[in-house]
Amino acid sequence: MTLPAVPSAATTARLEVTRKLSQRIAGGLLEDVRLLLTELITNALRHAGMTADDEIGVKAELSEGTVRIEVRDPGRDGPVKRREPGPRGGGYGLLLVERLTDQWGVERRDGNMVWAELSAGPAR
């Protein structure tokens, strides 16, 4: 899906992913996917140098026992980098992505695309 670069983009993505995956993956995994989408979309909104006319691309799919999510942004502020968490907050988003996923990465072609994969079990 393609969403406008506005704060409600994370909510819209969570609702759509819940609708599409809730009957196909376990509840705890769905919550992790929802949290990861929120973090990645929030990072894009905060750090990608977007304007009101920009869009965020979001993809979530279940294939062969793996949930893969992708969040794409224009990437005008350069490459995605993990920061060390600080005492004033911040720096926890990609740390959370690292801890909750089996693997994740960043591709830089026509902007940034951050992807993450999680092993899926049977739906509860």
C-alpha atoms as a PDB file:
ATOM      1  CA  MET A   1       0.000   0.000   0.000  1.00  0.00           C
ATOM      2  CA  THR A   2       1.039   3.580  -0.499  1.00  0.00           C
ATOM      3  CA  LEU A   3       0.278   6.053   2.259  1.00  0.00           C
ATOM      4  CA  PRO A   4       0.633   9.810   2.582  1.00  0.00           C
ATOM      5  CA  ALA A   5       3.584  10.904   4.721  1.00  0.00           C
ATOM      6  CA  VAL A   6       1.445  11.912   7.704  1.00  0.00           C
ATOM      7  CA  PRO A   7       1.431  10.690  11.334  1.00  0.00           C
ATOM      8  CA  SER A   8      -1.704   8.606  10.774  1.00  0.00           C
ATOM      9  CA  ALA A   9       0.175   6.440   8.228  1.00  0.00           C
ATOM     10  CA  ALA A  10       1.281   4.056  10.992  1.00  0.00           C
ATOM     11  CA  THR A  11      -2.283   3.593  12.223  1.00  0.00           C
ATOM     12  CA  THR A  12      -3.564   2.967   8.703  1.00  0.00           C
ATOM     13  CA  ALA A  13      -0.815   0.399   8.047  1.00  0.00           C
ATOM     14  CA  ARG A  14      -1.479  -1.415  11.345  1.00  0.00           C
ATOM     15  CA  LEU A  15      -5.197  -1.657  10.621  1.00  0.00           C
ATOM     16  CA  GLU A  16      -4.662  -3.011   7.114  1.00  0.00           C
ATOM     17  CA  VAL A  17      -2.031  -5.549   8.219  1.00  0.00           C
ATOM     18  CA  THR A  18      -4.302  -6.696  11.040  1.00  0.00           C
ATOM     19  CA  ARG A  19      -7.138  -7.162   8.563  1.00  0.00           C
ATOM     20  CA  LYS A  20      -4.968  -9.156   6.159  1.00  0.00           C
ATOM     21  CA  LEU A  21      -2.900 -11.271   8.553  1.00  0.00           C
ATOM     22  CA  SER A  22      -4.926 -11.749  11.746  1.00  0.00           C
ATOM     23  CA  GLN A  23      -6.347 -15.114  10.655  1.00  0.00           C
ATOM     24  CA  ARG A  24      -3.048 -16.317   9.225  1.00  0.00           C
ATOM     25  CA  ILE A  25      -0.462 -15.744  11.985  1.00  0.00           C
ATOM     26  CA  ALA A  26      -0.312 -16.095  15.774  1.00  0.00           C
ATOM     27  CA  GLY A  27      -1.512 -13.151  17.863  1.00  0.00           C
ATOM     28  CA  GLY A  28       1.882 -12.445  19.438  1.00  0.00           C
ATOM     29  CA  LEU A  29       3.569 -12.394  16.059  1.00  0.00           C
ATOM     30  CA  LEU A  30       0.897 -10.071  14.697  1.00  0.00           C
ATOM     31  CA  GLU A  31       1.574  -7.675  17.579  1.00  0.00           C
ATOM     32  CA  ASP A  32       5.308  -7.749  16.773  1.00  0.00           C
ATOM     33  CA  VAL A  33       4.559  -7.016  13.109  1.00  0.00           C
ATOM     34  CA  ARG A  34       2.283  -4.128  14.093  1.00  0.00           C
ATOM     35  CA  LEU A  35       4.939  -2.704  16.432  1.00  0.00           C
ATOM     36  CA  LEU A  36       7.662  -3.018  13.801  1.00  0.00           C
ATOM     37  CA  LEU A  37       5.514  -1.281  11.195  1.00  0.00           C
ATOM     38  CA  THR A  38       4.900   1.554  13.628  1.00  0.00           C
ATOM     39  CA  GLU A  39       8.625   1.931  14.335  1.00  0.00           C
ATOM     40  CA  LEU A  40       9.682   1.816  10.689  1.00  0.00           C
ATOM     41  CA  ILE A  41       7.004   4.243   9.543  1.00  0.00           C
ATOM     42  CA  THR A  42       7.773   6.600  12.430  1.00  0.00           C
ATOM     43  CA  ASN A  43      11.485   6.481  11.535  1.00  0.00           C
ATOM     44  CA  ALA A  44      10.643   7.305   7.928  1.00  0.00           C
ATOM     45  CA  LEU A  45       8.491  10.247   8.990  1.00  0.00           C
ATOM     46  CA  ARG A  46      11.163  11.580  11.357  1.00  0.00           C
ATOM     47  CA  HIS A  47      14.354  10.936   9.456  1.00  0.00           C
ATOM     48  CA  ALA A  48      13.729  10.735   5.705  1.00  0.00           C
ATOM     49  CA  GLY A  49      13.371  14.456   4.987  1.00  0.00           C
ATOM     50  CA  MET A  50       9.893  14.046   3.536  1.00  0.00           C
ATOM     51  CA  THR A  51       7.509  16.782   2.485  1.00  0.00           C
ATOM     52  CA  ALA A  52       3.726  16.833   2.715  1.00  0.00           C
ATOM     53  CA  ASP A  53       3.548  15.627  -0.911  1.00  0.00           C
ATOM     54  CA  ASP A  54       5.625  12.507  -0.277  1.00  0.00           C
ATOM     55  CA  GLU A  55       4.384   8.981   0.240  1.00  0.00           C
ATOM     56  CA  ILE A  56       5.483   5.969   2.253  1.00  0.00           C
ATOM     57  CA  GLY A  57       5.334   2.538   0.667  1.00  0.00           C
ATOM     58  CA  VAL A  58       4.345  -0.313   2.982  1.00  0.00           C
ATOM     59  CA  LYS A  59       4.294  -4.015   2.220  1.00  0.00           C
ATOM     60  CA  ALA A  60       3.557  -6.988   4.491  1.00  0.00           C
ATOM     61  CA  GLU A  61       3.335 -10.529   3.245  1.00  0.00           C
ATOM     62  CA  LEU A  62       3.334 -14.074   4.551  1.00  0.00           C
ATOM     63  CA  SER A  63       5.205 -16.577   2.416  1.00  0.00           C
ATOM     64  CA  GLU A  64       6.656 -19.980   3.238  1.00  0.00           C
ATOM     65  CA  GLY A  65       6.453 -19.488   6.996  1.00  0.00           C
ATOM     66  CA  THR A  66       7.986 -16.006   7.029  1.00  0.00           C
ATOM     67  CA  VAL A  67       6.360 -12.617   7.489  1.00  0.00           C
ATOM     68  CA  ARG A  68       8.228  -9.925   5.584  1.00  0.00           C
ATOM     69  CA  ILE A  69       7.518  -6.249   6.040  1.00  0.00           C
ATOM     70  CA  GLU A  70       8.934  -3.408   3.993  1.00  0.00           C
ATOM     71  CA  VAL A  71       8.737   0.351   4.472  1.00  0.00           C
ATOM     72  CA  ARG A  72       9.949   2.595   1.653  1.00  0.00           C
ATOM     73  CA  ASP A  73      10.629   6.336   1.807  1.00  0.00           C
ATOM     74  CA  PRO A  74      12.357   8.913  -0.430  1.00  0.00           C
ATOM     75  CA  GLY A  75      15.502   8.805   1.751  1.00  0.00           C
ATOM     76  CA  ARG A  76      16.507  12.420   1.268  1.00  0.00           C
ATOM     77  CA  ASP A  77      18.434  12.557   4.548  1.00  0.00           C
ATOM     78  CA  GLY A  78      20.823   9.791   3.522  1.00  0.00           C
ATOM     79  CA  PRO A  79      21.171   6.169   4.536  1.00  0.00           C
ATOM     80  CA  VAL A  80      19.369   4.520   7.429  1.00  0.00           C
ATOM     81  CA  LYS A  81      21.693   4.145  10.430  1.00  0.00           C
ATOM     82  CA  ARG A  82      21.151   2.613  13.820  1.00  0.00           C
ATOM     83  CA  ARG A  83      21.919   5.059  16.646  1.00  0.00           C
ATOM     84  CA  GLU A  84      22.856   4.185  20.187  1.00  0.00           C
ATOM     85  CA  PRO A  85      19.945   4.804  22.561  1.00  0.00           C
ATOM     86  CA  GLY A  86      20.429   7.942  24.608  1.00  0.00           C
ATOM     87  CA  PRO A  87      19.323   9.132  28.040  1.00  0.00           C
ATOM     88  CA  ARG A  88      16.935  11.655  26.436  1.00  0.00           C
ATOM     89  CA  GLY A  89      15.172   8.963  24.420  1.00  0.00           C
ATOM     90  CA  GLY A  90      15.530   8.088  20.790  1.00  0.00           C
ATOM     91  CA  GLY A  91      17.732   5.493  19.184  1.00  0.00           C
ATOM     92  CA  TYR A  92      15.527   2.575  20.168  1.00  0.00           C
ATOM     93  CA  GLY A  93      13.620   2.039  16.903  1.00  0.00           C
ATOM     94  CA  LEU A  94      16.165   0.026  14.936  1.00  0.00           C
ATOM     95  CA  LEU A  95      17.397  -1.655  18.128  1.00  0.00           C
ATOM     96  CA  LEU A  96      13.841  -2.919  18.550  1.00  0.00           C
ATOM     97  CA  VAL A  97      13.767  -4.029  14.910  1.00  0.00           C
ATOM     98  CA  GLU A  98      17.026  -5.913  15.438  1.00  0.00           C
ATOM     99  CA  ARG A  99      15.763  -7.653  18.560  1.00  0.00           C
ATOM    100  CA  LEU A 100      12.321  -8.668  17.258  1.00  0.00           C
ATOM    101  CA  THR A 101      13.258  -9.940  13.819  1.00  0.00           C
ATOM    102  CA  ASP A 102      15.109 -12.932  12.453  1.00  0.00           C
ATOM    103  CA  GLN A 103      16.809 -10.648   9.964  1.00  0.00           C
ATOM    104  CA  TRP A 104      16.453  -7.130   8.642  1.00  0.00           C
ATOM    105  CA  GLY A 105      18.238  -4.790   6.300  1.00  0.00           C
ATOM    106  CA  VAL A 106      18.200  -1.648   4.217  1.00  0.00           C
ATOM    107  CA  GLU A 107      18.239  -1.233   0.460  1.00  0.00           C
ATOM    108  CA  ARG A 108      19.061   2.123  -1.120  1.00  0.00           C
ATOM    109  CA  ARG A 109      17.563   2.407  -4.587  1.00  0.00           C
ATOM    110  CA  ASP A 110      15.349   5.383  -5.286  1.00  0.00           C
ATOM    111  CA  GLY A 111      15.257   6.132  -1.551  1.00  0.00           C
ATOM    112  CA  ASN A 112      15.373   3.852   1.468  1.00  0.00           C
ATOM    113  CA  MET A 113      13.619   0.544   1.868  1.00  0.00           C
ATOM    114  CA  VAL A 114      13.903  -1.065   5.290  1.00  0.00           C
ATOM    115  CA  TRP A 115      12.805  -4.693   5.387  1.00  0.00           C
ATOM    116  CA  ALA A 116      12.385  -7.129   8.239  1.00  0.00           C
ATOM    117  CA  GLU A 117      11.556 -10.820   8.403  1.00  0.00           C
ATOM    118  CA  LEU A 118      10.015 -12.853  11.216  1.00  0.00           C
ATOM    119  CA  SER A 119       9.329 -16.583  11.380  1.00  0.00           C
ATOM    120  CA  ALA A 120       5.610 -17.323  11.432  1.00  0.00           C
ATOM    121  CA  GLY A 121       3.846 -20.098  13.294  1.00  0.00           C
ATOM    122  CA  PRO A 122       0.297 -21.360  12.974  1.00  0.00           C
ATOM    123  CA  ALA A 123      -2.475 -18.862  13.721  1.00  0.00           C
ATOM    124  CA  ARG A 124      -4.051 -19.075  17.176  1.00  0.00           C
END
